[in-house]
């Protein structure tokens, strides 16, 4: 898959097939012409914009129309957003769409039809609607590991809530960050001048030396399509445990750092869900790590309080 501009903040799955060709003319249903901030967030659902299919050069993907039960699921997931996320999305979210045949879990991207104020679209893989958080994150983490010849099994215990809750918490944080500048001054790419990133990141893509390691730099989040032998994953997660990042994906760049931390903080500290990385050998637990119990991760909770202020 071709590189996306820095402003396009994606949850990209490792090892996705390259997709190409032009978007179908069937994908040209535009969002409502007039933006209305009074429209409830759940009512901003509709077909994915034509720009989405063109941007990812998708040929066979199609917009997914929500069933009544899926609409209820969307409304319930949106109800778990933090107060700050709800306020910012009310002003800046143009649409939420779901797509069949999308190679990644979700994408947040700017609305280019009206540049008078920053507005964004969120497009989500339709299959997310049928997954729990545990199922989605387990699949995502396993995509970075090569299980050939290993007796280990990797799984993430993140509870039984709908995966859509995690996806929206993560993607909504991208919109908050891009609108309010939590990781850097709005529009800045290099100088970590904000408390959340200062002392953690040298620039948008590189953590400070204390939180970098060779093994973390070889995960598929850093090197697209590359996998680590499953037998080496205990070393990968041990290296992660020595950083202030909530997940391997969050160690990839400062945008996903804050999006992952807000999502997992909300899931574990507010919604009281588990978040435990587990490795088993023939059913026996041989390694576990709970990132949200790490002192380094917990030391950053103070920077998230603005998300929960009424």
C-alpha atoms as a PDB file:
ATOM      1  CA  UNK A   1       0.000   0.000   0.000  1.00  0.00           C
ATOM      2  CA  UNK A   2       1.331   3.398  -0.877  1.00  0.00           C
ATOM      3  CA  UNK A   3       2.360   5.774   1.910  1.00  0.00           C
ATOM      4  CA  UNK A   4      -0.346   8.059   3.252  1.00  0.00           C
ATOM      5  CA  UNK A   5       0.234  11.730   4.042  1.00  0.00           C
ATOM      6  CA  UNK A   6       1.011  12.375   7.734  1.00  0.00           C
ATOM      7  CA  UNK A   7      -2.432  13.903   8.361  1.00  0.00           C
ATOM      8  CA  UNK A   8      -4.105  10.623   7.432  1.00  0.00           C
ATOM      9  CA  UNK A   9      -4.132   8.759  10.707  1.00  0.00           C
ATOM     10  CA  UNK A  10      -4.787   5.066  10.187  1.00  0.00           C
ATOM     11  CA  UNK A  11      -4.998   1.852  12.137  1.00  0.00           C
ATOM     12  CA  UNK A  12      -3.217  -0.206   9.472  1.00  0.00           C
ATOM     13  CA  UNK A  13      -3.018  -3.970   9.719  1.00  0.00           C
ATOM     14  CA  UNK A  14       0.408  -5.469   9.091  1.00  0.00           C
ATOM     15  CA  UNK A  15       0.723  -7.705   6.062  1.00  0.00           C
ATOM     16  CA  UNK A  16      -2.242  -6.343   4.106  1.00  0.00           C
ATOM     17  CA  UNK A  17      -2.206  -6.992   0.398  1.00  0.00           C
ATOM     18  CA  UNK A  18      -1.385  -4.035  -1.803  1.00  0.00           C
ATOM     19  CA  UNK A  19      -4.579  -2.602  -3.249  1.00  0.00           C
ATOM     20  CA  UNK A  20      -4.718  -0.623  -6.423  1.00  0.00           C
ATOM     21  CA  UNK A  21      -6.852   0.403  -9.405  1.00  0.00           C
ATOM     22  CA  UNK A  22      -9.280   3.256  -9.636  1.00  0.00           C
ATOM     23  CA  UNK A  23     -12.319   3.689  -7.414  1.00  0.00           C
ATOM     24  CA  UNK A  24     -15.627   2.671  -8.910  1.00  0.00           C
ATOM     25  CA  UNK A  25     -18.012   5.371 -10.040  1.00  0.00           C
ATOM     26  CA  UNK A  26     -20.546   3.773  -7.699  1.00  0.00           C
ATOM     27  CA  UNK A  27     -18.658   5.315  -4.768  1.00  0.00           C
ATOM     28  CA  UNK A  28     -19.524   8.915  -5.525  1.00  0.00           C
ATOM     29  CA  UNK A  29     -22.324   9.552  -3.033  1.00  0.00           C
ATOM     30  CA  UNK A  30     -21.255  12.744  -1.256  1.00  0.00           C
ATOM     31  CA  UNK A  31     -21.913  13.599   2.387  1.00  0.00           C
ATOM     32  CA  UNK A  32     -24.669  16.148   3.066  1.00  0.00           C
ATOM     33  CA  UNK A  33     -23.664  19.443   1.485  1.00  0.00           C
ATOM     34  CA  UNK A  34     -24.437  21.560   4.537  1.00  0.00           C
ATOM     35  CA  UNK A  35     -22.685  20.623   7.762  1.00  0.00           C
ATOM     36  CA  UNK A  36     -25.010  20.755  10.766  1.00  0.00           C
ATOM     37  CA  UNK A  37     -23.329  20.494  14.164  1.00  0.00           C
ATOM     38  CA  UNK A  38     -26.703  19.794  15.783  1.00  0.00           C
ATOM     39  CA  UNK A  39     -26.985  16.433  13.991  1.00  0.00           C
ATOM     40  CA  UNK A  40     -26.439  13.627  16.553  1.00  0.00           C
ATOM     41  CA  UNK A  41     -23.193  11.777  15.961  1.00  0.00           C
ATOM     42  CA  UNK A  42     -24.934   8.460  15.283  1.00  0.00           C
ATOM     43  CA  UNK A  43     -26.993  10.140  12.545  1.00  0.00           C
ATOM     44  CA  UNK A  44     -23.863  11.153  10.637  1.00  0.00           C
ATOM     45  CA  UNK A  45     -23.562   7.625   9.293  1.00  0.00           C
ATOM     46  CA  UNK A  46     -23.724   7.176   5.528  1.00  0.00           C
ATOM     47  CA  UNK A  47     -21.821   5.894   2.504  1.00  0.00           C
ATOM     48  CA  UNK A  48     -18.069   6.419   2.499  1.00  0.00           C
ATOM     49  CA  UNK A  49     -17.010   9.484   0.500  1.00  0.00           C
ATOM     50  CA  UNK A  50     -15.652   8.945  -3.002  1.00  0.00           C
ATOM     51  CA  UNK A  51     -12.360  10.417  -1.794  1.00  0.00           C
ATOM     52  CA  UNK A  52     -11.881   7.434   0.536  1.00  0.00           C
ATOM     53  CA  UNK A  53     -11.928   4.883  -2.283  1.00  0.00           C
ATOM     54  CA  UNK A  54      -9.704   7.063  -4.438  1.00  0.00           C
ATOM     55  CA  UNK A  55      -7.229   7.647  -1.617  1.00  0.00           C
ATOM     56  CA  UNK A  56      -6.725   3.929  -0.916  1.00  0.00           C
ATOM     57  CA  UNK A  57      -7.191   2.972  -4.579  1.00  0.00           C
ATOM     58  CA  UNK A  58      -9.787   0.354  -3.690  1.00  0.00           C
ATOM     59  CA  UNK A  59     -11.423  -1.502  -6.559  1.00  0.00           C
ATOM     60  CA  UNK A  60     -13.771  -4.039  -4.977  1.00  0.00           C
ATOM     61  CA  UNK A  61     -14.634  -2.372  -1.657  1.00  0.00           C
ATOM     62  CA  UNK A  62     -18.199  -1.163  -1.143  1.00  0.00           C
ATOM     63  CA  UNK A  63     -20.000   0.936   1.447  1.00  0.00           C
ATOM     64  CA  UNK A  64     -21.902  -1.055   4.056  1.00  0.00           C
ATOM     65  CA  UNK A  65     -25.426  -0.004   5.029  1.00  0.00           C
ATOM     66  CA  UNK A  66     -26.042  -0.531   8.736  1.00  0.00           C
ATOM     67  CA  UNK A  67     -28.876  -2.763   9.891  1.00  0.00           C
ATOM     68  CA  UNK A  68     -31.095  -1.570  12.726  1.00  0.00           C
ATOM     69  CA  UNK A  69     -29.123  -3.631  15.254  1.00  0.00           C
ATOM     70  CA  UNK A  70     -25.857  -2.225  13.914  1.00  0.00           C
ATOM     71  CA  UNK A  71     -27.208   1.314  14.246  1.00  0.00           C
ATOM     72  CA  UNK A  72     -27.931   0.583  17.900  1.00  0.00           C
ATOM     73  CA  UNK A  73     -24.400  -0.793  18.254  1.00  0.00           C
ATOM     74  CA  UNK A  74     -22.972   2.408  16.754  1.00  0.00           C
ATOM     75  CA  UNK A  75     -25.050   4.619  19.052  1.00  0.00           C
ATOM     76  CA  UNK A  76     -23.977   2.578  22.096  1.00  0.00           C
ATOM     77  CA  UNK A  77     -20.286   2.762  21.137  1.00  0.00           C
ATOM     78  CA  UNK A  78     -20.491   6.521  20.600  1.00  0.00           C
ATOM     79  CA  UNK A  79     -21.993   6.762  24.077  1.00  0.00           C
ATOM     80  CA  UNK A  80     -18.645   5.609  25.501  1.00  0.00           C
ATOM     81  CA  UNK A  81     -16.681   8.523  24.036  1.00  0.00           C
ATOM     82  CA  UNK A  82     -15.102  10.851  26.571  1.00  0.00           C
ATOM     83  CA  UNK A  83     -16.732  14.267  27.167  1.00  0.00           C
ATOM     84  CA  UNK A  84     -13.970  16.062  25.260  1.00  0.00           C
ATOM     85  CA  UNK A  85     -14.236  13.654  22.341  1.00  0.00           C
ATOM     86  CA  UNK A  86     -17.990  14.230  22.114  1.00  0.00           C
ATOM     87  CA  UNK A  87     -17.555  18.013  22.159  1.00  0.00           C
ATOM     88  CA  UNK A  88     -14.859  17.997  19.487  1.00  0.00           C
ATOM     89  CA  UNK A  89     -16.621  15.475  17.244  1.00  0.00           C
ATOM     90  CA  UNK A  90     -19.839  17.487  17.455  1.00  0.00           C
ATOM     91  CA  UNK A  91     -17.972  20.372  15.792  1.00  0.00           C
ATOM     92  CA  UNK A  92     -15.562  18.477  13.559  1.00  0.00           C
ATOM     93  CA  UNK A  93     -16.948  15.060  12.549  1.00  0.00           C
ATOM     94  CA  UNK A  94     -18.473  15.132   9.070  1.00  0.00           C
ATOM     95  CA  UNK A  95     -19.356  11.449   8.677  1.00  0.00           C
ATOM     96  CA  UNK A  96     -18.938   7.897   9.964  1.00  0.00           C
ATOM     97  CA  UNK A  97     -19.034   5.179   7.331  1.00  0.00           C
ATOM     98  CA  UNK A  98     -18.471   1.432   7.119  1.00  0.00           C
ATOM     99  CA  UNK A  99     -16.866  -0.379   4.188  1.00  0.00           C
ATOM    100  CA  UNK A 100     -16.805  -4.022   3.077  1.00  0.00           C
ATOM    101  CA  UNK A 101     -13.459  -5.125   1.661  1.00  0.00           C
ATOM    102  CA  UNK A 102     -11.400  -2.531   3.498  1.00  0.00           C
ATOM    103  CA  UNK A 103      -7.867  -3.837   4.226  1.00  0.00           C
ATOM    104  CA  UNK A 104      -7.349  -1.935   7.489  1.00  0.00           C
ATOM    105  CA  UNK A 105      -9.534  -1.495  10.575  1.00  0.00           C
ATOM    106  CA  UNK A 106     -10.253   2.216  10.336  1.00  0.00           C
ATOM    107  CA  UNK A 107      -9.111   5.482   8.834  1.00  0.00           C
ATOM    108  CA  UNK A 108      -9.620   9.075   9.950  1.00  0.00           C
ATOM    109  CA  UNK A 109      -9.066  11.653   7.208  1.00  0.00           C
ATOM    110  CA  UNK A 110      -9.916  15.296   6.511  1.00  0.00           C
ATOM    111  CA  UNK A 111     -12.970  16.458   4.614  1.00  0.00           C
ATOM    112  CA  UNK A 112     -11.672  18.309   1.558  1.00  0.00           C
ATOM    113  CA  UNK A 113     -15.058  19.566   0.345  1.00  0.00           C
ATOM    114  CA  UNK A 114     -15.163  22.455   2.825  1.00  0.00           C
ATOM    115  CA  UNK A 115     -11.913  23.901   4.164  1.00  0.00           C
ATOM    116  CA  UNK A 116     -13.489  26.761   6.108  1.00  0.00           C
ATOM    117  CA  UNK A 117     -13.077  24.704   9.285  1.00  0.00           C
ATOM    118  CA  UNK A 118     -11.322  21.413  10.033  1.00  0.00           C
ATOM    119  CA  UNK A 119     -13.741  18.539   9.595  1.00  0.00           C
ATOM    120  CA  UNK A 120     -13.077  14.826   9.343  1.00  0.00           C
ATOM    121  CA  UNK A 121     -14.487  11.539   8.164  1.00  0.00           C
ATOM    122  CA  UNK A 122     -14.087   8.216   9.958  1.00  0.00           C
ATOM    123  CA  UNK A 123     -14.357   5.085   7.810  1.00  0.00           C
ATOM    124  CA  UNK A 124     -14.387   1.682   9.508  1.00  0.00           C
ATOM    125  CA  UNK A 125     -14.049  -1.867   8.215  1.00  0.00           C
ATOM    126  CA  UNK A 126     -17.550  -3.350   8.354  1.00  0.00           C
ATOM    127  CA  UNK A 127     -16.273  -6.591   9.894  1.00  0.00           C
ATOM    128  CA  UNK A 128     -15.440  -4.671  13.088  1.00  0.00           C
ATOM    129  CA  UNK A 129     -19.181  -4.676  13.800  1.00  0.00           C
ATOM    130  CA  UNK A 130     -19.007  -8.430  14.431  1.00  0.00           C
ATOM    131  CA  UNK A 131     -15.938  -8.514  16.679  1.00  0.00           C
ATOM    132  CA  UNK A 132     -15.182  -7.975  20.344  1.00  0.00           C
ATOM    133  CA  UNK A 133     -12.233  -5.880  21.458  1.00  0.00           C
ATOM    134  CA  UNK A 134     -10.367  -9.076  22.406  1.00  0.00           C
ATOM    135  CA  UNK A 135     -10.945 -10.622  18.987  1.00  0.00           C
ATOM    136  CA  UNK A 136      -9.879  -7.525  17.081  1.00  0.00           C
ATOM    137  CA  UNK A 137      -6.734  -6.843  19.113  1.00  0.00           C
ATOM    138  CA  UNK A 138      -5.708 -10.509  19.174  1.00  0.00           C
ATOM    139  CA  UNK A 139      -6.006 -10.686  15.394  1.00  0.00           C
ATOM    140  CA  UNK A 140      -4.128  -7.395  15.042  1.00  0.00           C
ATOM    141  CA  UNK A 141      -1.230  -8.477  17.295  1.00  0.00           C
ATOM    142  CA  UNK A 142      -0.993 -11.922  15.704  1.00  0.00           C
ATOM    143  CA  UNK A 143      -0.611 -10.284  12.292  1.00  0.00           C
ATOM    144  CA  UNK A 144       2.824  -9.080  13.455  1.00  0.00           C
ATOM    145  CA  UNK A 145       4.036 -12.539  14.506  1.00  0.00           C
ATOM    146  CA  UNK A 146       5.145 -15.545  12.460  1.00  0.00           C
ATOM    147  CA  UNK A 147       3.784 -18.619  14.217  1.00  0.00           C
ATOM    148  CA  UNK A 148       5.465 -21.153  11.911  1.00  0.00           C
ATOM    149  CA  UNK A 149       7.204 -23.861  13.913  1.00  0.00           C
ATOM    150  CA  UNK A 150       6.213 -22.396  17.294  1.00  0.00           C
ATOM    151  CA  UNK A 151       4.128 -24.018  20.002  1.00  0.00           C
ATOM    152  CA  UNK A 152       3.252 -20.612  21.462  1.00  0.00           C
ATOM    153  CA  UNK A 153      -0.130 -18.963  21.102  1.00  0.00           C
ATOM    154  CA  UNK A 154      -0.562 -15.186  21.444  1.00  0.00           C
ATOM    155  CA  UNK A 155      -3.834 -13.688  22.638  1.00  0.00           C
ATOM    156  CA  UNK A 156      -5.046 -10.415  24.120  1.00  0.00           C
ATOM    157  CA  UNK A 157      -7.656 -10.484  26.856  1.00  0.00           C
ATOM    158  CA  UNK A 158      -9.463  -7.185  26.436  1.00  0.00           C
ATOM    159  CA  UNK A 159     -12.944  -8.210  27.508  1.00  0.00           C
ATOM    160  CA  UNK A 160     -16.145  -8.765  25.575  1.00  0.00           C
ATOM    161  CA  UNK A 161     -17.196  -5.242  24.653  1.00  0.00           C
ATOM    162  CA  UNK A 162     -17.849  -4.486  20.994  1.00  0.00           C
ATOM    163  CA  UNK A 163     -14.653  -3.779  19.055  1.00  0.00           C
ATOM    164  CA  UNK A 164     -16.388  -0.654  17.747  1.00  0.00           C
ATOM    165  CA  UNK A 165     -15.934   0.938  21.191  1.00  0.00           C
ATOM    166  CA  UNK A 166     -12.144   0.635  20.949  1.00  0.00           C
ATOM    167  CA  UNK A 167     -12.098   1.786  17.316  1.00  0.00           C
ATOM    168  CA  UNK A 168     -14.123   4.940  18.022  1.00  0.00           C
ATOM    169  CA  UNK A 169     -12.128   5.828  21.147  1.00  0.00           C
ATOM    170  CA  UNK A 170      -8.930   5.577  19.106  1.00  0.00           C
ATOM    171  CA  UNK A 171     -10.171   7.402  16.003  1.00  0.00           C
ATOM    172  CA  UNK A 172     -11.947  10.139  17.964  1.00  0.00           C
ATOM    173  CA  UNK A 173      -8.652  10.885  19.715  1.00  0.00           C
ATOM    174  CA  UNK A 174      -7.036  11.493  16.329  1.00  0.00           C
ATOM    175  CA  UNK A 175      -9.658  14.156  15.630  1.00  0.00           C
ATOM    176  CA  UNK A 176      -9.157  15.744  19.054  1.00  0.00           C
ATOM    177  CA  UNK A 177      -5.388  15.720  18.586  1.00  0.00           C
ATOM    178  CA  UNK A 178      -5.564  17.179  15.097  1.00  0.00           C
ATOM    179  CA  UNK A 179      -8.053  19.843  16.185  1.00  0.00           C
ATOM    180  CA  UNK A 180      -6.560  20.886  19.533  1.00  0.00           C
ATOM    181  CA  UNK A 181      -2.896  19.893  19.253  1.00  0.00           C
ATOM    182  CA  UNK A 182      -2.243  17.474  22.121  1.00  0.00           C
ATOM    183  CA  UNK A 183       0.925  15.953  20.657  1.00  0.00           C
ATOM    184  CA  UNK A 184       2.292  19.085  18.952  1.00  0.00           C
ATOM    185  CA  UNK A 185       1.167  22.493  17.871  1.00  0.00           C
ATOM    186  CA  UNK A 186      -1.531  22.091  15.235  1.00  0.00           C
ATOM    187  CA  UNK A 187       0.215  21.619  11.898  1.00  0.00           C
ATOM    188  CA  UNK A 188       3.628  20.898  13.465  1.00  0.00           C
ATOM    189  CA  UNK A 189       5.370  17.648  12.610  1.00  0.00           C
ATOM    190  CA  UNK A 190       8.700  17.770  14.351  1.00  0.00           C
ATOM    191  CA  UNK A 191       8.973  19.744  17.579  1.00  0.00           C
ATOM    192  CA  UNK A 192       7.614  17.864  20.622  1.00  0.00           C
ATOM    193  CA  UNK A 193       6.688  21.019  22.516  1.00  0.00           C
ATOM    194  CA  UNK A 194       3.649  19.635  24.314  1.00  0.00           C
ATOM    195  CA  UNK A 195       3.794  18.032  27.770  1.00  0.00           C
ATOM    196  CA  UNK A 196       2.404  14.747  26.418  1.00  0.00           C
ATOM    197  CA  UNK A 197       5.253  14.274  23.948  1.00  0.00           C
ATOM    198  CA  UNK A 198       8.127  16.181  25.539  1.00  0.00           C
ATOM    199  CA  UNK A 199      10.743  13.799  26.909  1.00  0.00           C
ATOM    200  CA  UNK A 200       9.048  10.876  25.133  1.00  0.00           C
ATOM    201  CA  UNK A 201       9.378  11.719  21.446  1.00  0.00           C
ATOM    202  CA  UNK A 202      12.202  13.323  19.479  1.00  0.00           C
ATOM    203  CA  UNK A 203       9.813  13.973  16.606  1.00  0.00           C
ATOM    204  CA  UNK A 204       6.585  12.576  15.217  1.00  0.00           C
ATOM    205  CA  UNK A 205       8.046   9.179  14.304  1.00  0.00           C
ATOM    206  CA  UNK A 206      10.973   8.677  16.676  1.00  0.00           C
ATOM    207  CA  UNK A 207      10.879   8.103  20.419  1.00  0.00           C
ATOM    208  CA  UNK A 208      13.757   9.369  22.527  1.00  0.00           C
ATOM    209  CA  UNK A 209      16.720   7.014  22.793  1.00  0.00           C
ATOM    210  CA  UNK A 210      15.664   5.696  26.213  1.00  0.00           C
ATOM    211  CA  UNK A 211      12.474   4.238  24.721  1.00  0.00           C
ATOM    212  CA  UNK A 212      13.872   2.871  21.475  1.00  0.00           C
ATOM    213  CA  UNK A 213      15.164  -0.636  20.959  1.00  0.00           C
ATOM    214  CA  UNK A 214      16.243  -2.734  18.014  1.00  0.00           C
ATOM    215  CA  UNK A 215      13.538  -5.307  18.579  1.00  0.00           C
ATOM    216  CA  UNK A 216      10.726  -2.729  18.733  1.00  0.00           C
ATOM    217  CA  UNK A 217      12.027  -1.198  15.530  1.00  0.00           C
ATOM    218  CA  UNK A 218      11.567  -4.546  13.742  1.00  0.00           C
ATOM    219  CA  UNK A 219       7.843  -4.975  14.440  1.00  0.00           C
ATOM    220  CA  UNK A 220       5.431  -4.726  11.534  1.00  0.00           C
ATOM    221  CA  UNK A 221       4.222  -1.326  12.727  1.00  0.00           C
ATOM    222  CA  UNK A 222       7.689   0.025  11.962  1.00  0.00           C
ATOM    223  CA  UNK A 223       8.481  -2.140   8.949  1.00  0.00           C
ATOM    224  CA  UNK A 224       5.253  -2.763   7.042  1.00  0.00           C
ATOM    225  CA  UNK A 225       4.738  -6.415   6.257  1.00  0.00           C
ATOM    226  CA  UNK A 226       7.576  -7.694   8.425  1.00  0.00           C
ATOM    227  CA  UNK A 227       6.776 -10.248  11.113  1.00  0.00           C
ATOM    228  CA  UNK A 228       8.698 -11.337  14.199  1.00  0.00           C
ATOM    229  CA  UNK A 229       8.991 -15.073  14.964  1.00  0.00           C
ATOM    230  CA  UNK A 230       6.405 -15.886  17.602  1.00  0.00           C
ATOM    231  CA  UNK A 231       9.069 -17.398  19.861  1.00  0.00           C
ATOM    232  CA  UNK A 232      10.666 -13.927  20.062  1.00  0.00           C
ATOM    233  CA  UNK A 233       7.498 -12.099  21.052  1.00  0.00           C
ATOM    234  CA  UNK A 234       8.211 -12.349  24.811  1.00  0.00           C
ATOM    235  CA  UNK A 235      11.284 -10.216  24.120  1.00  0.00           C
ATOM    236  CA  UNK A 236       9.176  -7.803  22.069  1.00  0.00           C
ATOM    237  CA  UNK A 237       6.674  -7.283  24.879  1.00  0.00           C
ATOM    238  CA  UNK A 238       9.429  -7.129  27.495  1.00  0.00           C
ATOM    239  CA  UNK A 239      10.943  -4.270  25.479  1.00  0.00           C
ATOM    240  CA  UNK A 240       7.505  -2.621  25.320  1.00  0.00           C
ATOM    241  CA  UNK A 241       7.203  -2.912  29.118  1.00  0.00           C
ATOM    242  CA  UNK A 242      10.265  -0.689  29.451  1.00  0.00           C
ATOM    243  CA  UNK A 243       8.542   2.160  27.616  1.00  0.00           C
ATOM    244  CA  UNK A 244       5.625   4.499  28.456  1.00  0.00           C
ATOM    245  CA  UNK A 245       3.565   3.246  25.486  1.00  0.00           C
ATOM    246  CA  UNK A 246       0.234   1.485  25.965  1.00  0.00           C
ATOM    247  CA  UNK A 247       0.743  -0.855  23.022  1.00  0.00           C
ATOM    248  CA  UNK A 248       3.132  -1.818  20.266  1.00  0.00           C
ATOM    249  CA  UNK A 249       0.991   0.154  17.860  1.00  0.00           C
ATOM    250  CA  UNK A 250       1.193   3.184  20.141  1.00  0.00           C
ATOM    251  CA  UNK A 251       4.994   3.061  19.984  1.00  0.00           C
ATOM    252  CA  UNK A 252       4.849   3.700  16.243  1.00  0.00           C
ATOM    253  CA  UNK A 253       4.287   7.496  16.263  1.00  0.00           C
ATOM    254  CA  UNK A 254       3.061  10.170  18.635  1.00  0.00           C
ATOM    255  CA  UNK A 255      -0.421  10.338  17.045  1.00  0.00           C
ATOM    256  CA  UNK A 256      -1.080   6.655  17.746  1.00  0.00           C
ATOM    257  CA  UNK A 257       0.654   6.964  21.113  1.00  0.00           C
ATOM    258  CA  UNK A 258      -2.049   9.281  22.432  1.00  0.00           C
ATOM    259  CA  UNK A 259      -4.867   7.496  20.584  1.00  0.00           C
ATOM    260  CA  UNK A 260      -3.904   4.157  22.102  1.00  0.00           C
ATOM    261  CA  UNK A 261      -3.391   5.572  25.581  1.00  0.00           C
ATOM    262  CA  UNK A 262      -6.789   7.296  25.615  1.00  0.00           C
ATOM    263  CA  UNK A 263      -8.536   4.210  24.234  1.00  0.00           C
ATOM    264  CA  UNK A 264      -6.970   1.791  26.707  1.00  0.00           C
ATOM    265  CA  UNK A 265      -7.302   4.188  29.630  1.00  0.00           C
ATOM    266  CA  UNK A 266     -11.019   4.524  28.936  1.00  0.00           C
ATOM    267  CA  UNK A 267     -11.506   0.798  28.472  1.00  0.00           C
ATOM    268  CA  UNK A 268      -9.582  -0.228  31.585  1.00  0.00           C
ATOM    269  CA  UNK A 269      -9.940   2.651  34.053  1.00  0.00           C
ATOM    270  CA  UNK A 270     -13.440   3.897  33.152  1.00  0.00           C
ATOM    271  CA  UNK A 271     -15.196   0.863  31.652  1.00  0.00           C
ATOM    272  CA  UNK A 272     -13.285  -1.629  33.856  1.00  0.00           C
ATOM    273  CA  UNK A 273     -12.270  -3.970  31.045  1.00  0.00           C
ATOM    274  CA  UNK A 274      -9.121  -6.121  31.144  1.00  0.00           C
ATOM    275  CA  UNK A 275      -6.117  -5.528  28.913  1.00  0.00           C
ATOM    276  CA  UNK A 276      -3.636  -8.358  29.236  1.00  0.00           C
ATOM    277  CA  UNK A 277      -1.175  -9.705  26.668  1.00  0.00           C
ATOM    278  CA  UNK A 278      -0.800 -13.464  27.083  1.00  0.00           C
ATOM    279  CA  UNK A 279       1.455 -16.111  25.603  1.00  0.00           C
ATOM    280  CA  UNK A 280       0.588 -19.753  26.174  1.00  0.00           C
ATOM    281  CA  UNK A 281       2.481 -22.912  25.373  1.00  0.00           C
ATOM    282  CA  UNK A 282       0.125 -25.849  24.861  1.00  0.00           C
ATOM    283  CA  UNK A 283      -2.441 -24.091  27.028  1.00  0.00           C
ATOM    284  CA  UNK A 284      -0.053 -23.141  29.841  1.00  0.00           C
ATOM    285  CA  UNK A 285       0.499 -19.440  30.497  1.00  0.00           C
ATOM    286  CA  UNK A 286       4.207 -18.662  30.012  1.00  0.00           C
ATOM    287  CA  UNK A 287       4.141 -14.874  29.708  1.00  0.00           C
ATOM    288  CA  UNK A 288       1.739 -12.052  30.505  1.00  0.00           C
ATOM    289  CA  UNK A 289       1.938  -8.272  30.560  1.00  0.00           C
ATOM    290  CA  UNK A 290      -0.691  -5.691  31.509  1.00  0.00           C
ATOM    291  CA  UNK A 291       0.456  -2.388  29.992  1.00  0.00           C
ATOM    292  CA  UNK A 292      -1.967  -0.223  31.957  1.00  0.00           C
ATOM    293  CA  UNK A 293      -0.369  -1.414  35.205  1.00  0.00           C
ATOM    294  CA  UNK A 294       3.079  -0.231  34.109  1.00  0.00           C
ATOM    295  CA  UNK A 295       4.380   2.664  36.241  1.00  0.00           C
ATOM    296  CA  UNK A 296       5.786   4.307  33.099  1.00  0.00           C
ATOM    297  CA  UNK A 297       2.407   4.152  31.357  1.00  0.00           C
ATOM    298  CA  UNK A 298       0.494   5.231  34.466  1.00  0.00           C
ATOM    299  CA  UNK A 299       2.754   8.248  34.913  1.00  0.00           C
ATOM    300  CA  UNK A 300       1.128   9.708  31.783  1.00  0.00           C
ATOM    301  CA  UNK A 301      -2.468   9.398  33.000  1.00  0.00           C
ATOM    302  CA  UNK A 302      -2.289  12.966  34.271  1.00  0.00           C
ATOM    303  CA  UNK A 303      -2.206  14.238  30.685  1.00  0.00           C
ATOM    304  CA  UNK A 304      -5.540  12.585  29.895  1.00  0.00           C
ATOM    305  CA  UNK A 305      -7.695  14.392  32.435  1.00  0.00           C
ATOM    306  CA  UNK A 306      -8.800  17.000  29.907  1.00  0.00           C
ATOM    307  CA  UNK A 307     -10.544  14.217  27.991  1.00  0.00           C
ATOM    308  CA  UNK A 308     -12.822  13.527  30.962  1.00  0.00           C
ATOM    309  CA  UNK A 309     -13.576  17.058  32.143  1.00  0.00           C
ATOM    310  CA  UNK A 310     -17.291  17.804  31.939  1.00  0.00           C
END
